[in-house]
Amino acid sequence: MAADGVIAETDRVILRPWRLAEADRFFDMHRRMEVARWIDGRPMADRAEAEPVIQRMLDRLAVDPRFGCWAVAEGASRAPAGSVLLEPLPDGAGEIEIGWHLHPDRWGRGLATEAARALLTRGFAFELEEIWAVTHPDNQRSARVCQKLGMRLLGTTHRWYHEPSLMFWIGARADQQPTLRPDHPALV
């Protein structure tokens, strides 16, 4: 990891920790229902909520820099377009999830795919054998990102979250198979 916390860089994006000074942008993204509905359904109500969340993310990265949530900064402006994450799934047995959420003013530009691809590469460099993505069944944008990343839709599951989710998977090797099965397999 670079001194400024950069963990990956592509032609258009830089993955680095969020900064407390970026709390306004973080809040502006998380106050929007069109973003919050795919995360936990609760938009932030006050900017004062942003700094403690960013601080918790920074604290987690300090404990284990392999896993956490990073800013997706656009290369030209260096301004955060959103976040990308690689972290253990809740109530799992060590399964690792990749995820993303971008500010709506940056949707449709391929930034989530580019950032997630860089994070997948990083995850596999840390010798992860497989990585999961779990999306809301109605979140077509995230499902398309998963497909562009080469992730395989396995079906739906209730395994990690209380509501049904689409279960996407990618392995480190082309010849491997997922270690888990969905509750309801996808129709092929």
N, C-alpha and C. Protein backbone atom coordinates (compact mmCIF):
# COMPACT_ATOMS: atom_id res chain seq x y z
N MET A 1 0.85 -1.18 0.00
CA MET A 1 0.00 0.00 0.00
C MET A 1 0.90 1.24 0.00
N ALA A 2 0.54 2.20 -0.83
CA ALA A 2 1.31 3.44 -0.93
C ALA A 2 1.15 4.28 0.33
N ALA A 3 2.05 5.23 0.52
CA ALA A 3 2.04 6.09 1.71
C ALA A 3 0.72 6.84 1.85
N ASP A 4 0.10 7.21 0.74
CA ASP A 4 -1.17 7.94 0.81
C ASP A 4 -2.37 7.00 0.88
N GLY A 5 -2.09 5.72 1.06
CA GLY A 5 -3.16 4.74 1.22
C GLY A 5 -3.71 4.18 -0.07
N VAL A 6 -3.16 4.57 -1.22
CA VAL A 6 -3.65 4.05 -2.50
C VAL A 6 -3.39 2.56 -2.56
N ILE A 7 -4.44 1.80 -2.83
CA ILE A 7 -4.30 0.34 -2.92
C ILE A 7 -4.36 -0.15 -4.36
N ALA A 8 -4.90 0.67 -5.27
CA ALA A 8 -4.96 0.30 -6.68
C ALA A 8 -5.22 1.55 -7.50
N GLU A 9 -4.71 1.52 -8.72
CA GLU A 9 -4.91 2.64 -9.62
C GLU A 9 -5.07 2.10 -11.04
N THR A 10 -6.05 2.62 -11.75
CA THR A 10 -6.27 2.27 -13.14
C THR A 10 -6.17 3.57 -13.96
N ASP A 11 -6.52 3.48 -15.22
CA ASP A 11 -6.50 4.68 -16.05
C ASP A 11 -7.44 5.76 -15.54
N ARG A 12 -8.57 5.34 -14.93
CA ARG A 12 -9.59 6.32 -14.55
C ARG A 12 -9.89 6.42 -13.07
N VAL A 13 -9.51 5.44 -12.28
CA VAL A 13 -9.85 5.48 -10.86
C VAL A 13 -8.65 5.16 -9.98
N ILE A 14 -8.73 5.70 -8.77
CA ILE A 14 -7.75 5.44 -7.73
C ILE A 14 -8.54 4.94 -6.53
N LEU A 15 -8.13 3.81 -5.98
CA LEU A 15 -8.77 3.28 -4.77
C LEU A 15 -7.88 3.65 -3.59
N ARG A 16 -8.48 4.36 -2.65
CA ARG A 16 -7.75 4.84 -1.48
C ARG A 16 -8.74 5.03 -0.35
N PRO A 17 -8.24 5.16 0.88
CA PRO A 17 -9.16 5.39 2.00
C PRO A 17 -9.93 6.71 1.83
N TRP A 18 -11.16 6.70 2.34
CA TRP A 18 -11.90 7.94 2.45
C TRP A 18 -11.16 8.86 3.42
N ARG A 19 -11.32 10.15 3.25
CA ARG A 19 -10.72 11.13 4.15
C ARG A 19 -11.83 11.84 4.91
N LEU A 20 -11.54 12.16 6.17
CA LEU A 20 -12.54 12.88 6.98
C LEU A 20 -12.95 14.19 6.31
N ALA A 21 -12.03 14.81 5.60
CA ALA A 21 -12.34 16.07 4.90
C ALA A 21 -13.34 15.87 3.76
N GLU A 22 -13.63 14.63 3.41
CA GLU A 22 -14.57 14.32 2.33
C GLU A 22 -15.95 13.95 2.86
N ALA A 23 -16.20 14.27 4.11
CA ALA A 23 -17.48 13.91 4.74
C ALA A 23 -18.67 14.52 4.02
N ASP A 24 -18.53 15.71 3.45
CA ASP A 24 -19.64 16.33 2.72
C ASP A 24 -20.04 15.46 1.53
N ARG A 25 -19.06 15.00 0.77
CA ARG A 25 -19.34 14.16 -0.41
C ARG A 25 -19.92 12.81 0.04
N PHE A 26 -19.34 12.23 1.09
CA PHE A 26 -19.82 10.95 1.61
C PHE A 26 -21.28 11.09 2.04
N PHE A 27 -21.57 12.15 2.77
CA PHE A 27 -22.96 12.39 3.21
C PHE A 27 -23.87 12.60 2.01
N ASP A 28 -23.43 13.38 1.04
CA ASP A 28 -24.28 13.65 -0.12
C ASP A 28 -24.63 12.36 -0.85
N MET A 29 -23.73 11.40 -0.89
CA MET A 29 -24.01 10.12 -1.52
C MET A 29 -24.98 9.30 -0.66
N HIS A 30 -24.72 9.22 0.63
CA HIS A 30 -25.49 8.35 1.51
C HIS A 30 -26.82 8.95 1.98
N ARG A 31 -27.06 10.20 1.69
CA ARG A 31 -28.35 10.80 2.06
C ARG A 31 -29.41 10.50 1.01
N ARG A 32 -29.01 9.99 -0.11
CA ARG A 32 -29.90 9.75 -1.25
C ARG A 32 -30.53 8.37 -1.17
N MET A 33 -31.83 8.34 -1.25
CA MET A 33 -32.54 7.06 -1.19
C MET A 33 -32.13 6.14 -2.34
N GLU A 34 -31.84 6.71 -3.51
CA GLU A 34 -31.46 5.87 -4.65
C GLU A 34 -30.14 5.13 -4.40
N VAL A 35 -29.34 5.57 -3.43
CA VAL A 35 -28.14 4.84 -3.02
C VAL A 35 -28.47 3.97 -1.80
N ALA A 36 -29.08 4.57 -0.79
CA ALA A 36 -29.35 3.87 0.47
C ALA A 36 -30.25 2.66 0.29
N ARG A 37 -31.14 2.70 -0.66
CA ARG A 37 -32.08 1.57 -0.82
C ARG A 37 -31.36 0.26 -1.11
N TRP A 38 -30.17 0.33 -1.70
CA TRP A 38 -29.43 -0.89 -2.03
C TRP A 38 -28.48 -1.30 -0.91
N ILE A 39 -28.29 -0.42 0.07
CA ILE A 39 -27.36 -0.73 1.15
C ILE A 39 -28.13 -1.23 2.36
N ASP A 40 -28.88 -0.34 2.99
CA ASP A 40 -29.66 -0.77 4.16
C ASP A 40 -31.03 -0.12 4.20
N GLY A 41 -31.34 0.66 3.19
CA GLY A 41 -32.67 1.28 3.12
C GLY A 41 -32.85 2.53 3.94
N ARG A 42 -31.78 2.95 4.65
CA ARG A 42 -31.88 4.14 5.50
C ARG A 42 -30.89 5.20 5.05
N PRO A 43 -31.36 6.23 4.39
CA PRO A 43 -30.44 7.30 4.01
C PRO A 43 -29.96 8.06 5.24
N MET A 44 -28.75 8.59 5.15
CA MET A 44 -28.25 9.43 6.24
C MET A 44 -29.13 10.66 6.33
N ALA A 45 -29.44 11.07 7.54
CA ALA A 45 -30.32 12.22 7.74
C ALA A 45 -29.55 13.50 8.04
N ASP A 46 -28.30 13.36 8.48
CA ASP A 46 -27.55 14.54 8.91
C ASP A 46 -26.07 14.34 8.55
N ARG A 47 -25.43 15.39 8.11
CA ARG A 47 -24.02 15.32 7.74
C ARG A 47 -23.15 14.85 8.90
N ALA A 48 -23.57 15.11 10.13
CA ALA A 48 -22.81 14.70 11.31
C ALA A 48 -22.65 13.18 11.39
N GLU A 49 -23.46 12.43 10.68
CA GLU A 49 -23.34 10.97 10.66
C GLU A 49 -22.15 10.50 9.83
N ALA A 50 -21.71 11.31 8.89
CA ALA A 50 -20.70 10.88 7.92
C ALA A 50 -19.32 10.67 8.54
N GLU A 51 -18.84 11.62 9.32
CA GLU A 51 -17.49 11.52 9.87
C GLU A 51 -17.28 10.28 10.73
N PRO A 52 -18.20 9.93 11.64
CA PRO A 52 -17.98 8.70 12.42
C PRO A 52 -17.95 7.44 11.56
N VAL A 53 -18.73 7.41 10.50
CA VAL A 53 -18.70 6.25 9.60
C VAL A 53 -17.35 6.17 8.90
N ILE A 54 -16.88 7.29 8.39
CA ILE A 54 -15.57 7.30 7.74
C ILE A 54 -14.49 6.89 8.74
N GLN A 55 -14.56 7.39 9.97
CA GLN A 55 -13.56 7.04 10.98
C GLN A 55 -13.58 5.54 11.27
N ARG A 56 -14.76 4.94 11.35
CA ARG A 56 -14.84 3.48 11.58
C ARG A 56 -14.21 2.72 10.41
N MET A 57 -14.42 3.21 9.19
CA MET A 57 -13.80 2.56 8.03
C MET A 57 -12.28 2.66 8.11
N LEU A 58 -11.77 3.81 8.49
CA LEU A 58 -10.32 3.99 8.63
C LEU A 58 -9.76 3.11 9.74
N ASP A 59 -10.49 3.01 10.83
CA ASP A 59 -10.05 2.16 11.95
C ASP A 59 -9.98 0.69 11.53
N ARG A 60 -10.97 0.23 10.76
CA ARG A 60 -10.97 -1.16 10.28
C ARG A 60 -9.78 -1.42 9.36
N LEU A 61 -9.49 -0.45 8.47
CA LEU A 61 -8.35 -0.61 7.57
C LEU A 61 -7.04 -0.66 8.35
N ALA A 62 -6.96 0.06 9.45
CA ALA A 62 -5.74 0.04 10.27
C ALA A 62 -5.52 -1.33 10.91
N VAL A 63 -6.60 -2.04 11.21
CA VAL A 63 -6.50 -3.36 11.83
C VAL A 63 -6.11 -4.42 10.80
N ASP A 64 -6.75 -4.38 9.62
CA ASP A 64 -6.47 -5.36 8.56
C ASP A 64 -6.67 -4.68 7.21
N PRO A 65 -5.59 -4.19 6.61
CA PRO A 65 -5.71 -3.43 5.37
C PRO A 65 -6.14 -4.25 4.15
N ARG A 66 -6.28 -5.56 4.31
CA ARG A 66 -6.78 -6.37 3.19
C ARG A 66 -8.26 -6.15 2.96
N PHE A 67 -8.98 -5.86 4.03
CA PHE A 67 -10.44 -5.79 3.94
C PHE A 67 -10.93 -4.44 4.44
N GLY A 68 -11.97 -3.94 3.78
CA GLY A 68 -12.56 -2.68 4.20
C GLY A 68 -13.30 -2.01 3.08
N CYS A 69 -13.46 -0.71 3.23
CA CYS A 69 -14.19 0.11 2.27
C CYS A 69 -13.29 1.28 1.88
N TRP A 70 -13.12 1.48 0.57
CA TRP A 70 -12.25 2.52 0.06
C TRP A 70 -13.02 3.49 -0.83
N ALA A 71 -12.51 4.70 -0.94
CA ALA A 71 -13.05 5.68 -1.87
C ALA A 71 -12.63 5.29 -3.29
N VAL A 72 -13.54 5.49 -4.22
CA VAL A 72 -13.24 5.36 -5.64
C VAL A 72 -13.06 6.79 -6.13
N ALA A 73 -11.81 7.23 -6.22
CA ALA A 73 -11.52 8.60 -6.65
C ALA A 73 -11.28 8.61 -8.15
N GLU A 74 -11.90 9.55 -8.82
CA GLU A 74 -11.68 9.67 -10.25
C GLU A 74 -10.28 10.20 -10.48
N GLY A 75 -9.58 9.57 -11.42
CA GLY A 75 -8.19 9.90 -11.68
C GLY A 75 -7.94 11.36 -12.00
N ALA A 76 -8.76 11.95 -12.85
CA ALA A 76 -8.51 13.33 -13.27
C ALA A 76 -8.76 14.32 -12.14
N SER A 77 -9.87 14.19 -11.46
CA SER A 77 -10.25 15.16 -10.43
C SER A 77 -9.79 14.78 -9.03
N ARG A 78 -9.52 13.48 -8.84
CA ARG A 78 -9.19 12.93 -7.52
C ARG A 78 -10.35 13.01 -6.53
N ALA A 79 -11.51 13.42 -7.00
CA ALA A 79 -12.70 13.53 -6.14
C ALA A 79 -13.38 12.16 -6.05
N PRO A 80 -13.93 11.82 -4.87
CA PRO A 80 -14.61 10.53 -4.72
C PRO A 80 -15.87 10.44 -5.57
N ALA A 81 -15.94 9.37 -6.33
CA ALA A 81 -17.15 9.06 -7.11
C ALA A 81 -18.04 8.12 -6.31
N GLY A 82 -17.47 7.44 -5.31
CA GLY A 82 -18.21 6.49 -4.52
C GLY A 82 -17.27 5.62 -3.71
N SER A 83 -17.74 4.41 -3.41
CA SER A 83 -16.98 3.47 -2.58
C SER A 83 -16.95 2.10 -3.21
N VAL A 84 -15.93 1.36 -2.85
CA VAL A 84 -15.83 -0.05 -3.21
C VAL A 84 -15.37 -0.78 -1.95
N LEU A 85 -15.87 -2.00 -1.77
CA LEU A 85 -15.54 -2.72 -0.54
C LEU A 85 -15.18 -4.16 -0.81
N LEU A 86 -14.37 -4.68 0.06
CA LEU A 86 -14.00 -6.09 0.08
C LEU A 86 -13.95 -6.46 1.55
N GLU A 87 -14.92 -7.26 2.00
CA GLU A 87 -14.99 -7.57 3.43
C GLU A 87 -15.76 -8.85 3.68
N PRO A 88 -15.57 -9.44 4.85
CA PRO A 88 -16.29 -10.66 5.18
C PRO A 88 -17.80 -10.43 5.19
N LEU A 89 -18.52 -11.40 4.68
CA LEU A 89 -19.98 -11.32 4.70
C LEU A 89 -20.50 -11.53 6.11
N PRO A 90 -21.60 -10.85 6.47
CA PRO A 90 -22.15 -11.00 7.82
C PRO A 90 -22.67 -12.41 8.07
N ASP A 91 -22.40 -12.91 9.25
CA ASP A 91 -22.85 -14.24 9.66
C ASP A 91 -22.37 -15.34 8.71
N GLY A 92 -21.26 -15.09 8.05
CA GLY A 92 -20.71 -16.09 7.15
C GLY A 92 -19.66 -16.93 7.85
N ALA A 93 -19.03 -17.76 7.05
CA ALA A 93 -17.95 -18.61 7.55
C ALA A 93 -16.64 -18.22 6.88
N GLY A 94 -16.44 -16.90 6.76
CA GLY A 94 -15.23 -16.40 6.15
C GLY A 94 -15.37 -16.01 4.69
N GLU A 95 -16.57 -16.11 4.14
CA GLU A 95 -16.77 -15.72 2.75
C GLU A 95 -16.54 -14.21 2.62
N ILE A 96 -15.91 -13.81 1.51
CA ILE A 96 -15.56 -12.41 1.28
C ILE A 96 -16.45 -11.84 0.18
N GLU A 97 -17.00 -10.67 0.47
CA GLU A 97 -17.90 -9.99 -0.45
C GLU A 97 -17.20 -8.79 -1.08
N ILE A 98 -17.46 -8.59 -2.36
CA ILE A 98 -17.08 -7.36 -3.03
C ILE A 98 -18.35 -6.56 -3.26
N GLY A 99 -18.26 -5.26 -3.14
CA GLY A 99 -19.43 -4.41 -3.34
C GLY A 99 -19.01 -3.01 -3.74
N TRP A 100 -19.98 -2.21 -4.13
CA TRP A 100 -19.72 -0.85 -4.60
C TRP A 100 -20.97 -0.04 -4.44
N HIS A 101 -20.81 1.23 -4.26
CA HIS A 101 -21.91 2.18 -4.35
C HIS A 101 -21.30 3.51 -4.74
N LEU A 102 -21.88 4.06 -5.78
CA LEU A 102 -21.39 5.32 -6.33
C LEU A 102 -22.45 6.39 -6.19
N HIS A 103 -21.98 7.62 -6.18
CA HIS A 103 -22.89 8.76 -6.19
C HIS A 103 -23.66 8.72 -7.51
N PRO A 104 -24.96 9.01 -7.49
CA PRO A 104 -25.73 8.98 -8.74
C PRO A 104 -25.17 9.87 -9.85
N ASP A 105 -24.42 10.92 -9.49
CA ASP A 105 -23.86 11.77 -10.55
C ASP A 105 -22.69 11.10 -11.26
N ARG A 106 -22.33 9.89 -10.83
CA ARG A 106 -21.25 9.14 -11.48
C ARG A 106 -21.73 7.80 -12.04
N TRP A 107 -23.02 7.53 -11.98
CA TRP A 107 -23.56 6.29 -12.53
C TRP A 107 -23.43 6.26 -14.05
N GLY A 108 -23.34 5.06 -14.58
CA GLY A 108 -23.37 4.87 -16.03
C GLY A 108 -22.06 5.18 -16.73
N ARG A 109 -20.97 5.31 -16.01
CA ARG A 109 -19.68 5.65 -16.63
C ARG A 109 -18.69 4.49 -16.59
N GLY A 110 -19.08 3.36 -16.02
CA GLY A 110 -18.19 2.22 -15.92
C GLY A 110 -17.20 2.29 -14.77
N LEU A 111 -17.35 3.28 -13.89
CA LEU A 111 -16.41 3.44 -12.79
C LEU A 111 -16.52 2.31 -11.77
N ALA A 112 -17.74 1.85 -11.49
CA ALA A 112 -17.91 0.76 -10.52
C ALA A 112 -17.23 -0.51 -11.04
N THR A 113 -17.41 -0.80 -12.32
CA THR A 113 -16.79 -1.99 -12.90
C THR A 113 -15.27 -1.88 -12.84
N GLU A 114 -14.74 -0.74 -13.21
CA GLU A 114 -13.29 -0.56 -13.23
C GLU A 114 -12.70 -0.66 -11.82
N ALA A 115 -13.35 -0.03 -10.86
CA ALA A 115 -12.88 -0.09 -9.48
C ALA A 115 -12.98 -1.50 -8.92
N ALA A 116 -14.11 -2.16 -9.17
CA ALA A 116 -14.30 -3.52 -8.65
C ALA A 116 -13.32 -4.50 -9.30
N ARG A 117 -13.03 -4.33 -10.57
CA ARG A 117 -12.06 -5.20 -11.24
C ARG A 117 -10.69 -5.06 -10.57
N ALA A 118 -10.30 -3.83 -10.27
CA ALA A 118 -9.01 -3.61 -9.59
C ALA A 118 -9.01 -4.25 -8.20
N LEU A 119 -10.14 -4.17 -7.51
CA LEU A 119 -10.23 -4.75 -6.17
C LEU A 119 -10.26 -6.28 -6.22
N LEU A 120 -10.89 -6.86 -7.24
CA LEU A 120 -10.84 -8.31 -7.42
C LEU A 120 -9.39 -8.77 -7.60
N THR A 121 -8.67 -8.06 -8.45
CA THR A 121 -7.26 -8.40 -8.68
C THR A 121 -6.49 -8.36 -7.38
N ARG A 122 -6.74 -7.35 -6.59
CA ARG A 122 -6.07 -7.22 -5.29
C ARG A 122 -6.46 -8.36 -4.36
N GLY A 123 -7.74 -8.68 -4.31
CA GLY A 123 -8.20 -9.78 -3.46
C GLY A 123 -7.55 -11.11 -3.82
N PHE A 124 -7.46 -11.39 -5.12
CA PHE A 124 -6.84 -12.65 -5.54
C PHE A 124 -5.33 -12.62 -5.30
N ALA A 125 -4.72 -11.44 -5.35
CA ALA A 125 -3.30 -11.32 -5.02
C ALA A 125 -3.05 -11.65 -3.55
N PHE A 126 -4.06 -11.44 -2.70
CA PHE A 126 -3.97 -11.81 -1.29
C PHE A 126 -4.37 -13.27 -1.08
N GLU A 127 -4.42 -14.02 -2.16
CA GLU A 127 -4.68 -15.45 -2.16
C GLU A 127 -6.08 -15.84 -1.72
N LEU A 128 -7.05 -14.96 -1.93
CA LEU A 128 -8.44 -15.37 -1.74
C LEU A 128 -8.78 -16.38 -2.84
N GLU A 129 -9.48 -17.41 -2.47
CA GLU A 129 -9.84 -18.45 -3.45
C GLU A 129 -11.11 -18.11 -4.22
N GLU A 130 -12.01 -17.37 -3.56
CA GLU A 130 -13.26 -16.99 -4.21
C GLU A 130 -13.78 -15.71 -3.59
N ILE A 131 -14.57 -14.99 -4.39
CA ILE A 131 -15.15 -13.73 -3.94
C ILE A 131 -16.60 -13.71 -4.36
N TRP A 132 -17.45 -13.22 -3.46
CA TRP A 132 -18.89 -13.20 -3.66
C TRP A 132 -19.39 -11.78 -3.85
N ALA A 133 -20.46 -11.63 -4.59
CA ALA A 133 -21.20 -10.36 -4.65
C ALA A 133 -22.65 -10.71 -4.36
N VAL A 134 -23.28 -9.91 -3.54
CA VAL A 134 -24.65 -10.15 -3.12
C VAL A 134 -25.44 -8.88 -3.42
N THR A 135 -26.41 -8.99 -4.33
CA THR A 135 -27.15 -7.80 -4.75
C THR A 135 -28.65 -8.00 -4.53
N HIS A 136 -29.33 -6.91 -4.36
CA HIS A 136 -30.79 -6.94 -4.29
C HIS A 136 -31.31 -7.42 -5.64
N PRO A 137 -32.33 -8.28 -5.66
CA PRO A 137 -32.84 -8.79 -6.93
C PRO A 137 -33.26 -7.71 -7.94
N ASP A 138 -33.67 -6.55 -7.46
CA ASP A 138 -34.08 -5.48 -8.37
C ASP A 138 -32.94 -4.56 -8.79
N ASN A 139 -31.76 -4.75 -8.26
CA ASN A 139 -30.65 -3.86 -8.55
C ASN A 139 -29.95 -4.31 -9.85
N GLN A 140 -30.57 -3.95 -10.95
CA GLN A 140 -30.06 -4.36 -12.26
C GLN A 140 -28.69 -3.77 -12.57
N ARG A 141 -28.44 -2.56 -12.09
CA ARG A 141 -27.13 -1.94 -12.33
C ARG A 141 -26.00 -2.77 -11.70
N SER A 142 -26.19 -3.17 -10.44
CA SER A 142 -25.16 -3.98 -9.79
C SER A 142 -25.04 -5.35 -10.42
N ALA A 143 -26.14 -5.93 -10.82
CA ALA A 143 -26.09 -7.24 -11.49
C ALA A 143 -25.28 -7.13 -12.79
N ARG A 144 -25.45 -6.03 -13.52
CA ARG A 144 -24.67 -5.84 -14.75
C ARG A 144 -23.18 -5.69 -14.44
N VAL A 145 -22.86 -4.99 -13.35
CA VAL A 145 -21.45 -4.87 -12.97
C VAL A 145 -20.89 -6.27 -12.69
N CYS A 146 -21.62 -7.07 -11.95
CA CYS A 146 -21.17 -8.44 -11.65
C CYS A 146 -20.90 -9.21 -12.95
N GLN A 147 -21.81 -9.12 -13.89
CA GLN A 147 -21.63 -9.82 -15.16
C GLN A 147 -20.41 -9.31 -15.92
N LYS A 148 -20.21 -7.99 -15.94
CA LYS A 148 -19.04 -7.42 -16.62
C LYS A 148 -17.74 -7.87 -15.97
N LEU A 149 -17.79 -8.14 -14.68
CA LEU A 149 -16.61 -8.61 -13.96
C LEU A 149 -16.33 -10.09 -14.21
N GLY A 150 -17.25 -10.76 -14.87
CA GLY A 150 -17.10 -12.20 -15.10
C GLY A 150 -17.61 -13.04 -13.96
N MET A 151 -18.37 -12.44 -13.05
CA MET A 151 -18.94 -13.18 -11.94
C MET A 151 -20.13 -14.00 -12.44
N ARG A 152 -20.31 -15.15 -11.84
CA ARG A 152 -21.37 -16.06 -12.25
C ARG A 152 -22.57 -15.93 -11.31
N LEU A 153 -23.75 -15.72 -11.88
CA LEU A 153 -24.98 -15.71 -11.09
C LEU A 153 -25.32 -17.15 -10.74
N LEU A 154 -25.32 -17.44 -9.44
CA LEU A 154 -25.64 -18.79 -8.99
C LEU A 154 -27.13 -18.96 -8.70
N GLY A 155 -27.79 -17.88 -8.27
CA GLY A 155 -29.20 -17.94 -7.92
C GLY A 155 -29.51 -16.95 -6.82
N THR A 156 -30.50 -17.27 -5.99
CA THR A 156 -30.85 -16.39 -4.88
C THR A 156 -30.53 -17.09 -3.55
N THR A 157 -30.31 -16.26 -2.55
CA THR A 157 -29.96 -16.78 -1.23
C THR A 157 -30.49 -15.86 -0.14
N HIS A 158 -30.68 -16.45 1.04
CA HIS A 158 -30.97 -15.70 2.28
C HIS A 158 -29.79 -15.86 3.24
N ARG A 159 -28.73 -16.48 2.78
CA ARG A 159 -27.60 -16.90 3.61
C ARG A 159 -27.02 -15.76 4.46
N TRP A 160 -26.76 -14.60 3.88
CA TRP A 160 -26.02 -13.56 4.60
C TRP A 160 -26.88 -12.38 5.01
N TYR A 161 -27.97 -12.18 4.33
CA TYR A 161 -28.84 -11.03 4.63
C TYR A 161 -30.26 -11.54 4.83
N HIS A 162 -31.09 -10.78 5.49
CA HIS A 162 -32.43 -11.25 5.83
C HIS A 162 -33.37 -11.33 4.65
N GLU A 163 -33.09 -10.56 3.62
CA GLU A 163 -33.95 -10.57 2.44
C GLU A 163 -33.30 -11.40 1.34
N PRO A 164 -34.09 -11.88 0.39
CA PRO A 164 -33.48 -12.63 -0.71
C PRO A 164 -32.52 -11.74 -1.50
N SER A 165 -31.40 -12.32 -1.88
CA SER A 165 -30.37 -11.61 -2.63
C SER A 165 -29.91 -12.47 -3.78
N LEU A 166 -29.50 -11.81 -4.86
CA LEU A 166 -28.83 -12.53 -5.93
C LEU A 166 -27.42 -12.87 -5.46
N MET A 167 -26.99 -14.07 -5.77
CA MET A 167 -25.71 -14.59 -5.31
C MET A 167 -24.79 -14.74 -6.52
N PHE A 168 -23.76 -13.88 -6.60
CA PHE A 168 -22.78 -13.94 -7.68
C PHE A 168 -21.46 -14.46 -7.11
N TRP A 169 -20.67 -15.11 -7.97
CA TRP A 169 -19.43 -15.73 -7.51
C TRP A 169 -18.37 -15.63 -8.59
N ILE A 170 -17.12 -15.52 -8.15
CA ILE A 170 -15.98 -15.65 -9.05
C ILE A 170 -14.86 -16.33 -8.27
N GLY A 171 -14.17 -17.22 -8.95
CA GLY A 171 -13.05 -17.93 -8.33
C GLY A 171 -11.72 -17.42 -8.83
N ALA A 172 -10.69 -17.74 -8.08
CA ALA A 172 -9.33 -17.32 -8.44
C ALA A 172 -8.83 -18.06 -9.67
N ARG A 173 -9.34 -19.27 -9.89
CA ARG A 173 -8.90 -20.09 -11.03
C ARG A 173 -10.09 -20.41 -11.93
N ALA A 174 -9.83 -20.52 -13.19
CA ALA A 174 -10.89 -20.80 -14.16
C ALA A 174 -11.51 -22.19 -13.97
N ASP A 175 -10.76 -23.13 -13.39
CA ASP A 175 -11.25 -24.50 -13.28
C ASP A 175 -11.97 -24.80 -11.96
N GLN A 176 -12.16 -23.83 -11.11
CA GLN A 176 -12.77 -24.13 -9.82
C GLN A 176 -14.27 -23.89 -9.82
N GLN A 177 -14.90 -24.44 -8.82
CA GLN A 177 -16.34 -24.31 -8.63
C GLN A 177 -16.62 -23.64 -7.29
N PRO A 178 -17.78 -23.00 -7.14
CA PRO A 178 -18.11 -22.35 -5.87
C PRO A 178 -18.19 -23.36 -4.73
N THR A 179 -17.83 -22.91 -3.53
CA THR A 179 -17.90 -23.77 -2.36
C THR A 179 -19.28 -23.79 -1.74
N LEU A 180 -20.14 -22.84 -2.13
CA LEU A 180 -21.49 -22.76 -1.58
C LEU A 180 -22.52 -22.78 -2.71
N ARG A 181 -23.71 -23.20 -2.36
CA ARG A 181 -24.80 -23.21 -3.33
C ARG A 181 -25.88 -22.21 -2.90
N PRO A 182 -26.61 -21.69 -3.86
CA PRO A 182 -27.72 -20.78 -3.52
C PRO A 182 -28.91 -21.55 -2.97
N ASP A 183 -29.82 -20.84 -2.33
CA ASP A 183 -31.06 -21.47 -1.87
C ASP A 183 -31.90 -21.89 -3.06
N HIS A 184 -31.91 -21.04 -4.08
CA HIS A 184 -32.67 -21.29 -5.31
C HIS A 184 -31.77 -21.03 -6.49
N PRO A 185 -31.34 -22.10 -7.20
CA PRO A 185 -30.43 -21.91 -8.34
C PRO A 185 -31.03 -21.04 -9.44
N ALA A 186 -30.15 -20.35 -10.14
CA ALA A 186 -30.56 -19.54 -11.28
C ALA A 186 -30.99 -20.47 -12.41
N LEU A 187 -31.97 -20.04 -13.15
CA LEU A 187 -32.37 -20.80 -14.33
C LEU A 187 -31.39 -20.51 -15.44
N VAL A 188 -30.85 -21.55 -16.00
CA VAL A 188 -29.85 -21.38 -17.05
C VAL A 188 -30.47 -21.41 -18.41
